[in-house]
Protein backbone atom coordinates (compact mmCIF):
# COMPACT_ATOMS: atom_id res chain seq x y z
CA MET A 1 -23.68 -17.82 1.60
CA GLU A 2 -20.70 -18.35 -0.58
CA LEU A 3 -17.56 -16.44 0.43
CA ILE A 4 -16.89 -13.35 -1.75
CA LYS A 5 -14.07 -13.72 -4.11
CA LEU A 6 -11.33 -10.99 -3.77
CA PRO A 7 -8.99 -10.04 -6.53
CA ASP A 8 -5.41 -11.05 -5.64
CA ARG A 9 -4.32 -7.57 -4.90
CA LEU A 10 -6.95 -7.25 -2.27
CA GLU A 11 -6.54 -10.85 -0.84
CA SER A 12 -2.93 -9.95 -0.31
CA ILE A 13 -3.94 -7.16 2.01
CA VAL A 14 -5.85 -9.52 4.32
CA ARG A 15 -2.46 -11.27 5.28
CA PHE A 16 -1.47 -7.96 7.06
CA ILE A 17 -4.48 -7.53 9.03
CA LYS A 18 -4.29 -8.89 12.67
CA LYS A 19 -7.26 -10.98 13.56
CA GLY A 20 -9.66 -8.93 15.81
CA SER A 21 -8.37 -5.50 14.57
CA ASN A 22 -10.56 -2.42 14.17
CA VAL A 23 -10.33 -1.61 10.49
CA ILE A 24 -11.11 1.16 8.16
CA ASP A 25 -10.91 0.60 4.38
CA VAL A 26 -10.49 4.15 2.85
CA GLY A 27 -11.72 4.56 -0.62
CA THR A 28 -13.68 1.18 -0.31
CA ASP A 29 -15.25 1.47 -3.81
CA HIS A 30 -17.37 -1.69 -4.12
CA GLY A 31 -16.80 -2.62 -0.44
CA TYR A 32 -15.24 -6.08 -1.38
CA LEU A 33 -12.58 -6.16 1.31
CA PRO A 34 -14.92 -4.95 4.26
CA ILE A 35 -17.37 -7.64 3.06
CA TYR A 36 -14.71 -10.50 3.19
CA LEU A 37 -13.45 -9.32 6.52
CA ALA A 38 -17.02 -9.57 7.94
CA GLN A 39 -17.66 -12.80 6.28
CA THR A 40 -14.61 -14.32 7.80
CA ASN A 41 -14.90 -12.65 11.19
CA HIS A 42 -11.35 -11.43 10.71
CA ALA A 43 -11.86 -7.92 12.02
CA LYS A 44 -13.70 -6.86 15.17
CA HIS A 45 -15.10 -3.72 13.91
CA ILE A 46 -15.05 -2.65 10.23
CA MET A 47 -15.44 0.78 8.72
CA ALA A 48 -15.60 1.48 4.98
CA SER A 49 -15.25 5.07 3.60
CA ASP A 50 -15.43 6.66 0.23
CA VAL A 51 -15.63 10.31 -1.03
CA SER A 52 -18.05 9.08 -3.68
CA GLY A 53 -21.64 8.71 -2.44
CA ARG A 54 -22.28 6.62 -5.48
CA SER A 55 -19.50 4.22 -4.73
CA LEU A 56 -20.58 3.93 -1.05
CA GLU A 57 -24.15 3.16 -2.06
CA THR A 58 -22.81 0.32 -4.26
CA ALA A 59 -20.81 -0.98 -1.34
CA ARG A 60 -23.91 -0.83 0.94
CA ARG A 61 -25.85 -2.77 -1.67
CA ASN A 62 -23.08 -5.38 -2.00
CA ALA A 63 -23.04 -5.85 1.79
CA SER A 64 -26.86 -6.15 1.90
CA LYS A 65 -26.71 -8.94 -0.61
CA TYR A 66 -24.38 -10.83 1.60
CA GLY A 67 -26.52 -10.01 4.73
CA LEU A 68 -23.67 -8.02 6.34
CA SER A 69 -25.29 -4.40 6.40
CA ASP A 70 -25.14 -4.40 10.26
CA ARG A 71 -21.51 -5.57 10.46
CA ILE A 72 -20.01 -2.66 8.38
CA GLU A 73 -20.10 1.07 9.14
CA PHE A 74 -20.36 3.10 5.99
CA ILE A 75 -18.93 6.64 5.93
CA GLU A 76 -19.17 9.15 3.11
CA ALA A 77 -15.97 11.28 3.63
CA PRO A 78 -12.79 12.21 1.95
CA GLY A 79 -9.91 10.21 3.29
CA LEU A 80 -9.85 9.79 7.02
CA LYS A 81 -11.79 13.02 7.80
CA GLY A 82 -14.00 12.38 10.89
CA ILE A 83 -12.03 9.35 11.95
CA TYR A 84 -9.88 9.35 15.18
CA GLU A 85 -7.48 7.13 17.02
CA GLU A 86 -10.15 5.56 19.25
CA ASP A 87 -11.95 4.39 16.02
CA VAL A 88 -9.42 2.14 14.42
CA ASP A 89 -6.01 0.49 14.86
CA THR A 90 -5.61 -0.46 11.20
CA VAL A 91 -5.94 1.85 8.19
CA ILE A 92 -6.12 0.37 4.64
CA ILE A 93 -5.79 2.56 1.62
CA SER A 94 -5.51 0.77 -1.76
CA GLY A 95 -6.31 1.66 -5.27
CA LEU A 96 -5.18 5.31 -5.05
CA GLY A 97 -2.01 7.08 -6.22
CA GLY A 98 0.97 7.41 -3.83
CA GLU A 99 0.45 11.19 -3.66
CA THR A 100 -3.19 10.87 -2.76
CA ILE A 101 -2.48 8.34 -0.01
CA ALA A 102 0.27 10.61 1.36
CA LYS A 103 -2.17 13.45 1.47
CA ILE A 104 -4.73 11.28 3.37
CA ILE A 105 -2.29 10.11 5.96
CA SER A 106 -0.87 13.66 6.44
CA GLY A 107 -4.52 14.86 7.11
CA ALA A 108 -4.69 12.25 10.13
CA PRO A 109 -1.54 12.88 12.30
CA TRP A 110 -3.11 10.58 15.05
CA THR A 111 -1.97 7.63 12.94
CA LYS A 112 1.56 8.36 14.02
CA ARG A 113 0.63 9.25 17.66
CA CYS A 114 -1.14 6.22 18.44
CA GLU A 115 1.02 3.75 16.34
CA THR A 116 -1.80 2.91 13.90
CA LYS A 117 -0.78 0.20 11.48
CA LEU A 118 -1.06 1.51 7.93
CA ILE A 119 -1.57 -1.07 5.10
CA LEU A 120 -0.93 0.76 1.78
CA GLN A 121 -1.20 -0.35 -1.89
CA PRO A 122 -0.39 2.54 -4.19
CA GLN A 123 -1.50 2.32 -7.84
CA SER A 124 1.09 4.88 -8.81
CA LYS A 125 3.82 7.27 -7.52
CA ILE A 126 5.16 4.81 -5.13
CA GLU A 127 8.26 6.86 -4.73
CA ASP A 128 6.35 9.88 -3.48
CA LEU A 129 4.55 7.79 -0.95
CA CYS A 130 7.82 6.33 0.36
CA GLU A 131 9.42 9.76 0.49
CA PHE A 132 6.44 11.07 2.52
CA LEU A 133 6.41 8.16 4.94
CA ARG A 134 10.06 8.56 5.88
CA THR A 135 9.85 12.28 6.16
CA ALA A 136 6.52 12.14 8.26
CA GLY A 137 8.18 9.76 10.74
CA TYR A 138 6.87 6.37 9.62
CA ALA A 139 8.91 3.19 9.12
CA TYR A 140 8.34 0.06 7.10
CA ILE A 141 7.48 -2.96 9.20
CA ASP A 142 6.66 -5.31 6.36
CA ALA A 143 5.91 -5.36 2.60
CA ASP A 144 4.91 -7.75 -0.05
CA ILE A 145 4.37 -7.87 -3.73
CA VAL A 146 1.50 -9.51 -5.82
CA MET A 147 0.60 -9.64 -9.54
CA ASP A 148 -2.95 -9.07 -10.47
CA ASN A 149 -4.11 -8.77 -14.10
CA ALA A 150 -0.42 -8.67 -15.33
CA LYS A 151 0.43 -5.71 -13.05
CA TYR A 152 2.69 -5.67 -10.06
CA TYR A 153 1.25 -4.32 -6.76
CA VAL A 154 3.30 -3.56 -3.83
CA ILE A 155 1.80 -3.77 -0.34
CA ILE A 156 3.65 -1.41 2.27
CA CYS A 157 2.97 -1.98 5.94
CA ALA A 158 4.09 0.96 7.91
CA GLN A 159 3.98 2.31 11.41
CA THR A 160 5.38 5.34 13.34
CA GLY A 161 9.15 4.69 13.72
CA LYS A 162 12.58 5.89 12.85
CA CYS A 163 14.33 4.85 9.66
CA LEU A 164 18.02 3.63 10.19
CA SER A 165 18.68 2.99 6.41
CA ASP A 166 20.92 5.11 4.36
CA MET A 167 19.10 4.07 1.20
CA SER A 168 16.61 6.27 -0.44
CA PRO A 169 13.10 5.50 0.84
CA GLU A 170 11.91 3.78 -2.34
CA ILE A 171 15.00 1.48 -2.39
CA GLU A 172 14.60 0.72 1.19
CA LEU A 173 11.26 -0.63 0.52
CA TYR A 174 12.48 -2.82 -2.26
CA ALA A 175 15.31 -4.07 0.01
CA VAL A 176 12.56 -5.15 2.47
CA LEU A 177 10.86 -7.11 -0.43
CA ALA A 178 14.19 -8.60 -1.37
CA LYS A 179 14.81 -9.97 2.11
CA LYS A 180 11.40 -11.56 2.08
CA ARG A 181 12.54 -13.61 -0.98
CA SER A 182 9.30 -13.33 -2.76
CA PRO A 183 9.10 -15.46 -5.87
CA LEU A 184 8.08 -12.36 -7.71
CA PHE A 185 10.83 -10.19 -6.67
CA ASN A 186 13.36 -11.14 -9.41
CA SER A 187 11.01 -10.32 -12.34
CA PHE A 188 9.62 -7.19 -10.49
CA LEU A 189 13.23 -5.84 -9.84
CA ASP A 190 14.19 -6.57 -13.43
CA SER A 191 11.20 -4.73 -14.78
CA LEU A 192 12.11 -1.65 -12.71
CA ILE A 193 15.74 -1.83 -13.88
CA LEU A 194 14.70 -1.99 -17.60
CA LYS A 195 12.14 0.84 -17.04
CA ASN A 196 14.81 3.11 -15.48
CA GLN A 197 17.49 2.26 -18.08
CA SER A 198 15.13 3.20 -20.81
CA THR A 199 14.24 6.49 -18.96
CA VAL A 200 17.84 7.29 -18.41
CA MET A 201 18.67 6.85 -22.16
CA SER A 202 15.76 9.27 -23.16
CA LEU A 203 16.58 11.89 -20.72
CA LYS A 204 20.29 11.79 -21.65
CA THR A 205 19.55 12.61 -25.20
CA SER A 206 17.02 15.32 -24.32
CA GLY A 207 19.34 17.09 -21.81
CA SER A 208 16.54 17.01 -19.17
CA LYS A 209 17.43 18.17 -15.64
CA LYS A 210 15.82 14.82 -14.32
CA TYR A 211 18.65 12.81 -15.70
CA GLU A 212 20.94 12.84 -12.61
CA ALA A 213 18.06 11.84 -10.34
CA VAL A 214 16.96 8.88 -12.42
CA HIS A 215 20.51 7.83 -13.14
CA SER A 216 21.10 7.69 -9.35
CA LYS A 217 17.91 5.62 -8.85
CA LEU A 218 19.07 3.15 -11.62
CA ASN A 219 22.46 2.70 -9.78
CA GLU A 220 20.67 2.06 -6.52
CA LEU A 221 18.54 -0.64 -8.43
CA LEU A 222 21.50 -2.14 -9.85
CA SER A 223 23.41 -2.22 -6.41
CA LEU A 224 20.21 -3.83 -4.94
CA ARG A 225 20.44 -6.54 -7.76
CA LYS A 226 23.86 -7.41 -6.76
CA ALA A 227 23.08 -7.51 -3.09
CA TYR A 228 20.07 -9.65 -3.75
CA ASN A 229 22.12 -12.20 -5.73
CA ILE A 230 24.57 -12.40 -2.75
CA TRP A 231 21.61 -12.99 -0.32
CA GLN A 232 20.24 -15.72 -2.76
CA ASN A 233 23.70 -17.40 -3.00
CA PRO A 234 25.57 -16.72 0.33
């Protein structure tokens, strides 16, 4: 049967999954990623979970259509509830907000104890997820950026570890992306700078208490821009 076509944002996740891993896709929705992993024999054991019974049933039907019902274990549960360290070595969470992803991980402390690889692709609130990861004792081991339907998606690969950077957690992540010299990084960084410049101006005129925090973030982004230009032209 023809190989299932993944959207770019999901295809980018596959590159972080070690062949032969025991994987769970949290919030699997239509189950496209687990189906792809089963079709390509990329993972040894594949679990697909979703809090929505309706979504999970759709994922089951899709797997059945590709003849893969016996290759994927479907679980109706919120987050990682009922999943333990002996079940998986790789946790994938995409398509959810950063705050929600942080909540899911905090509810599964075994992910830190057994050095589980976390592959995360937040839809929003990336700064909250970055802050949580550092505070909770996780460190970035890799990252990437992809564009899908005219939107940037950042993929964070994290594992238990100690952060040695004096940058804020979000800016540290962008520094990891900068050092990878992704062809998308320049435009991504420029979009962040423009967005924060606009926010700083609006907060300054309104007298909001958030002004200092956003202004500080803008300065960090501008410093990263200078550093990136040096890395590109040593």
